[in-house]
Amino acid sequence: MTLEQTQADAAVERFVSERDLLTECQGELQFVNEELEHLRAALVSARRIGAAIGILMGQRHISDDAAFALLSDASQRTNRKLRHVADYVRRTGTLDGL
């Protein structure tokens, strides 16, 4: 094998190795981006739930734990997601009518 052939083979191996590394990094980046979107959605839901807890606390003069328990109970009783119950409270100001 000539020196030129050896150098060409080494260059091809480096290229393949770097391409594989790039592909792996792209996969990891996609995973991180998806995780970031989930965290953003969770933050929005947490804020909405927090607002509903605050509404119930002010309306009923109860603790945050008691207000969260009311939301949780309503969620289970109506078979709705907690964030949907919280949105209802934010829109109507009450749990009545669920």
N, C-alpha and C. Protein backbone atom coordinates (compact mmCIF):
# COMPACT_ATOMS: atom_id res chain seq x y z
N MET A 1 0.85 -1.17 0.00
CA MET A 1 0.00 0.00 0.00
C MET A 1 0.90 1.24 0.00
N THR A 2 0.52 2.21 -0.79
CA THR A 2 1.33 3.43 -0.89
C THR A 2 1.00 4.39 0.24
N LEU A 3 1.89 5.34 0.42
CA LEU A 3 1.69 6.38 1.43
C LEU A 3 0.42 7.17 1.14
N GLU A 4 0.17 7.46 -0.11
CA GLU A 4 -1.03 8.21 -0.49
C GLU A 4 -2.29 7.41 -0.17
N GLN A 5 -2.25 6.11 -0.42
CA GLN A 5 -3.41 5.26 -0.13
C GLN A 5 -3.65 5.18 1.37
N THR A 6 -2.60 5.06 2.14
CA THR A 6 -2.70 5.02 3.60
C THR A 6 -3.29 6.32 4.13
N GLN A 7 -2.83 7.43 3.61
CA GLN A 7 -3.36 8.73 4.04
C GLN A 7 -4.82 8.88 3.63
N ALA A 8 -5.18 8.40 2.45
CA ALA A 8 -6.57 8.48 1.99
C ALA A 8 -7.46 7.61 2.87
N ASP A 9 -6.98 6.41 3.20
CA ASP A 9 -7.77 5.53 4.08
C ASP A 9 -7.96 6.17 5.46
N ALA A 10 -6.91 6.79 5.98
CA ALA A 10 -7.00 7.45 7.29
C ALA A 10 -7.99 8.61 7.23
N ALA A 11 -7.98 9.35 6.15
CA ALA A 11 -8.91 10.47 5.99
C ALA A 11 -10.35 9.98 5.93
N VAL A 12 -10.57 8.88 5.23
CA VAL A 12 -11.92 8.31 5.14
C VAL A 12 -12.38 7.85 6.53
N GLU A 13 -11.48 7.20 7.27
CA GLU A 13 -11.84 6.75 8.62
C GLU A 13 -12.19 7.93 9.52
N ARG A 14 -11.42 9.02 9.44
CA ARG A 14 -11.71 10.22 10.24
C ARG A 14 -13.07 10.80 9.84
N PHE A 15 -13.32 10.86 8.54
CA PHE A 15 -14.59 11.38 8.05
C PHE A 15 -15.76 10.56 8.59
N VAL A 16 -15.66 9.24 8.50
CA VAL A 16 -16.73 8.35 8.96
C VAL A 16 -16.92 8.52 10.47
N SER A 17 -15.82 8.59 11.19
CA SER A 17 -15.89 8.76 12.65
C SER A 17 -16.55 10.10 13.00
N GLU A 18 -16.17 11.17 12.33
CA GLU A 18 -16.75 12.48 12.61
C GLU A 18 -18.22 12.54 12.19
N ARG A 19 -18.55 11.88 11.09
CA ARG A 19 -19.96 11.83 10.66
C ARG A 19 -20.80 11.10 11.70
N ASP A 20 -20.29 9.99 12.23
CA ASP A 20 -21.01 9.24 13.25
C ASP A 20 -21.19 10.07 14.52
N LEU A 21 -20.16 10.80 14.89
CA LEU A 21 -20.24 11.67 16.07
C LEU A 21 -21.27 12.77 15.86
N LEU A 22 -21.29 13.35 14.67
CA LEU A 22 -22.27 14.39 14.35
C LEU A 22 -23.69 13.84 14.41
N THR A 23 -23.89 12.65 13.88
CA THR A 23 -25.21 12.02 13.92
C THR A 23 -25.65 11.79 15.35
N GLU A 24 -24.73 11.34 16.20
CA GLU A 24 -25.04 11.12 17.62
C GLU A 24 -25.40 12.44 18.30
N CYS A 25 -24.64 13.48 18.01
CA CYS A 25 -24.91 14.79 18.61
C CYS A 25 -26.27 15.34 18.16
N GLN A 26 -26.62 15.12 16.92
CA GLN A 26 -27.91 15.58 16.42
C GLN A 26 -29.05 14.87 17.15
N GLY A 27 -28.88 13.58 17.40
CA GLY A 27 -29.90 12.83 18.15
C GLY A 27 -30.04 13.35 19.57
N GLU A 28 -28.91 13.63 20.21
CA GLU A 28 -28.94 14.17 21.57
C GLU A 28 -29.57 15.56 21.59
N LEU A 29 -29.27 16.36 20.61
CA LEU A 29 -29.86 17.70 20.52
C LEU A 29 -31.37 17.63 20.35
N GLN A 30 -31.84 16.71 19.55
CA GLN A 30 -33.28 16.54 19.37
C GLN A 30 -33.93 16.14 20.68
N PHE A 31 -33.29 15.22 21.42
CA PHE A 31 -33.82 14.80 22.71
C PHE A 31 -33.89 15.98 23.68
N VAL A 32 -32.83 16.79 23.72
CA VAL A 32 -32.79 17.94 24.63
C VAL A 32 -33.87 18.95 24.24
N ASN A 33 -34.07 19.18 22.96
CA ASN A 33 -35.11 20.11 22.51
C ASN A 33 -36.50 19.62 22.90
N GLU A 34 -36.74 18.32 22.76
CA GLU A 34 -38.04 17.76 23.16
C GLU A 34 -38.24 17.90 24.67
N GLU A 35 -37.19 17.65 25.43
CA GLU A 35 -37.26 17.78 26.88
C GLU A 35 -37.53 19.23 27.28
N LEU A 36 -36.92 20.17 26.59
CA LEU A 36 -37.14 21.59 26.85
C LEU A 36 -38.60 21.97 26.60
N GLU A 37 -39.18 21.47 25.52
CA GLU A 37 -40.59 21.75 25.23
C GLU A 37 -41.50 21.18 26.32
N HIS A 38 -41.19 19.98 26.81
CA HIS A 38 -41.98 19.40 27.90
C HIS A 38 -41.88 20.25 29.16
N LEU A 39 -40.68 20.73 29.45
CA LEU A 39 -40.50 21.57 30.63
C LEU A 39 -41.23 22.90 30.50
N ARG A 40 -41.22 23.46 29.31
CA ARG A 40 -41.97 24.71 29.09
C ARG A 40 -43.46 24.50 29.30
N ALA A 41 -43.98 23.40 28.78
CA ALA A 41 -45.41 23.09 28.95
C ALA A 41 -45.72 22.87 30.43
N ALA A 42 -44.84 22.19 31.14
CA ALA A 42 -45.05 21.95 32.57
C ALA A 42 -45.05 23.26 33.35
N LEU A 43 -44.18 24.18 32.97
CA LEU A 43 -44.13 25.47 33.64
C LEU A 43 -45.42 26.25 33.43
N VAL A 44 -45.94 26.24 32.22
CA VAL A 44 -47.20 26.91 31.93
C VAL A 44 -48.32 26.30 32.76
N SER A 45 -48.38 24.96 32.81
CA SER A 45 -49.41 24.29 33.60
C SER A 45 -49.28 24.63 35.08
N ALA A 46 -48.04 24.64 35.58
CA ALA A 46 -47.82 24.95 36.99
C ALA A 46 -48.30 26.37 37.32
N ARG A 47 -48.06 27.30 36.43
CA ARG A 47 -48.51 28.68 36.66
C ARG A 47 -50.04 28.75 36.67
N ARG A 48 -50.68 28.05 35.76
CA ARG A 48 -52.14 28.05 35.72
C ARG A 48 -52.72 27.42 36.98
N ILE A 49 -52.12 26.33 37.41
CA ILE A 49 -52.59 25.66 38.63
C ILE A 49 -52.36 26.58 39.82
N GLY A 50 -51.21 27.25 39.86
CA GLY A 50 -50.92 28.19 40.95
C GLY A 50 -51.93 29.33 41.00
N ALA A 51 -52.31 29.82 39.83
CA ALA A 51 -53.31 30.90 39.79
C ALA A 51 -54.65 30.41 40.32
N ALA A 52 -55.03 29.19 39.94
CA ALA A 52 -56.30 28.64 40.43
C ALA A 52 -56.25 28.43 41.94
N ILE A 53 -55.11 27.98 42.43
CA ILE A 53 -54.97 27.81 43.89
C ILE A 53 -55.14 29.16 44.57
N GLY A 54 -54.52 30.20 44.02
CA GLY A 54 -54.65 31.54 44.60
C GLY A 54 -56.09 32.03 44.60
N ILE A 55 -56.82 31.75 43.53
CA ILE A 55 -58.23 32.15 43.46
C ILE A 55 -59.02 31.46 44.56
N LEU A 56 -58.83 30.16 44.70
CA LEU A 56 -59.57 29.41 45.73
C LEU A 56 -59.16 29.84 47.14
N MET A 57 -57.88 30.14 47.33
CA MET A 57 -57.42 30.59 48.65
C MET A 57 -58.11 31.90 49.03
N GLY A 58 -58.16 32.84 48.09
CA GLY A 58 -58.78 34.13 48.38
C GLY A 58 -60.28 34.03 48.55
N GLN A 59 -60.88 33.20 47.73
CA GLN A 59 -62.33 33.06 47.75
C GLN A 59 -62.82 32.35 49.01
N ARG A 60 -62.10 31.32 49.42
CA ARG A 60 -62.57 30.48 50.53
C ARG A 60 -61.78 30.68 51.82
N HIS A 61 -60.77 31.53 51.78
CA HIS A 61 -59.93 31.79 52.95
C HIS A 61 -59.35 30.49 53.49
N ILE A 62 -58.66 29.76 52.60
CA ILE A 62 -58.06 28.48 52.96
C ILE A 62 -56.57 28.51 52.60
N SER A 63 -55.85 27.51 53.09
CA SER A 63 -54.42 27.40 52.81
C SER A 63 -54.19 26.92 51.38
N ASP A 64 -52.95 27.06 50.93
CA ASP A 64 -52.62 26.58 49.59
C ASP A 64 -52.75 25.06 49.48
N ASP A 65 -52.42 24.36 50.56
CA ASP A 65 -52.59 22.90 50.54
C ASP A 65 -54.06 22.51 50.42
N ALA A 66 -54.92 23.23 51.13
CA ALA A 66 -56.35 22.94 51.07
C ALA A 66 -56.91 23.27 49.69
N ALA A 67 -56.44 24.36 49.10
CA ALA A 67 -56.90 24.73 47.76
C ALA A 67 -56.45 23.71 46.73
N PHE A 68 -55.21 23.25 46.86
CA PHE A 68 -54.72 22.22 45.94
C PHE A 68 -55.52 20.93 46.11
N ALA A 69 -55.85 20.59 47.34
CA ALA A 69 -56.65 19.39 47.59
C ALA A 69 -58.02 19.52 46.92
N LEU A 70 -58.62 20.71 46.97
CA LEU A 70 -59.91 20.91 46.29
C LEU A 70 -59.78 20.70 44.78
N LEU A 71 -58.71 21.26 44.21
CA LEU A 71 -58.49 21.07 42.77
C LEU A 71 -58.27 19.59 42.44
N SER A 72 -57.48 18.93 43.24
CA SER A 72 -57.20 17.51 43.00
C SER A 72 -58.46 16.67 43.12
N ASP A 73 -59.25 16.95 44.14
CA ASP A 73 -60.51 16.21 44.32
C ASP A 73 -61.44 16.43 43.13
N ALA A 74 -61.55 17.66 42.69
CA ALA A 74 -62.41 17.97 41.54
C ALA A 74 -61.89 17.28 40.28
N SER A 75 -60.59 17.23 40.14
CA SER A 75 -59.98 16.56 38.99
C SER A 75 -60.34 15.07 38.98
N GLN A 76 -60.21 14.44 40.13
CA GLN A 76 -60.53 13.01 40.22
C GLN A 76 -62.02 12.75 40.08
N ARG A 77 -62.81 13.59 40.71
CA ARG A 77 -64.26 13.41 40.68
C ARG A 77 -64.83 13.56 39.27
N THR A 78 -64.27 14.48 38.51
CA THR A 78 -64.81 14.75 37.18
C THR A 78 -64.02 14.04 36.07
N ASN A 79 -62.96 13.33 36.48
CA ASN A 79 -62.11 12.62 35.53
C ASN A 79 -61.52 13.58 34.49
N ARG A 80 -61.09 14.75 34.97
CA ARG A 80 -60.44 15.75 34.12
C ARG A 80 -59.02 15.95 34.61
N LYS A 81 -58.16 16.35 33.72
CA LYS A 81 -56.80 16.65 34.12
C LYS A 81 -56.80 17.86 35.04
N LEU A 82 -55.86 17.85 35.96
CA LEU A 82 -55.77 18.93 36.95
C LEU A 82 -55.63 20.29 36.26
N ARG A 83 -54.84 20.36 35.20
CA ARG A 83 -54.66 21.65 34.53
C ARG A 83 -55.96 22.14 33.88
N HIS A 84 -56.83 21.22 33.47
CA HIS A 84 -58.11 21.63 32.89
C HIS A 84 -59.05 22.15 33.98
N VAL A 85 -59.02 21.51 35.14
CA VAL A 85 -59.81 22.00 36.27
C VAL A 85 -59.30 23.39 36.67
N ALA A 86 -57.99 23.55 36.71
CA ALA A 86 -57.40 24.85 37.05
C ALA A 86 -57.82 25.92 36.04
N ASP A 87 -57.82 25.57 34.77
CA ASP A 87 -58.26 26.54 33.75
C ASP A 87 -59.72 26.92 33.96
N TYR A 88 -60.55 25.97 34.34
CA TYR A 88 -61.96 26.25 34.62
C TYR A 88 -62.08 27.25 35.77
N VAL A 89 -61.32 27.02 36.83
CA VAL A 89 -61.35 27.93 37.98
C VAL A 89 -60.84 29.31 37.56
N ARG A 90 -59.83 29.37 36.75
CA ARG A 90 -59.32 30.66 36.29
C ARG A 90 -60.35 31.41 35.46
N ARG A 91 -61.11 30.67 34.64
CA ARG A 91 -62.14 31.33 33.81
C ARG A 91 -63.36 31.75 34.60
N THR A 92 -63.82 30.88 35.51
CA THR A 92 -65.08 31.12 36.21
C THR A 92 -64.92 31.67 37.61
N GLY A 93 -63.75 31.46 38.22
CA GLY A 93 -63.54 31.90 39.59
C GLY A 93 -64.10 30.95 40.62
N THR A 94 -64.53 29.78 40.20
CA THR A 94 -65.14 28.85 41.15
C THR A 94 -64.97 27.41 40.66
N LEU A 95 -65.20 26.49 41.57
CA LEU A 95 -65.26 25.07 41.22
C LEU A 95 -66.69 24.63 40.95
N ASP A 96 -67.64 25.48 41.31
CA ASP A 96 -69.04 25.14 41.11
C ASP A 96 -69.34 24.94 39.62
N GLY A 97 -70.14 23.96 39.33
CA GLY A 97 -70.54 23.72 37.97
C GLY A 97 -69.69 22.71 37.23
N LEU A 98 -68.70 22.16 37.92
CA LEU A 98 -67.88 21.14 37.26
C LEU A 98 -68.61 19.82 37.20
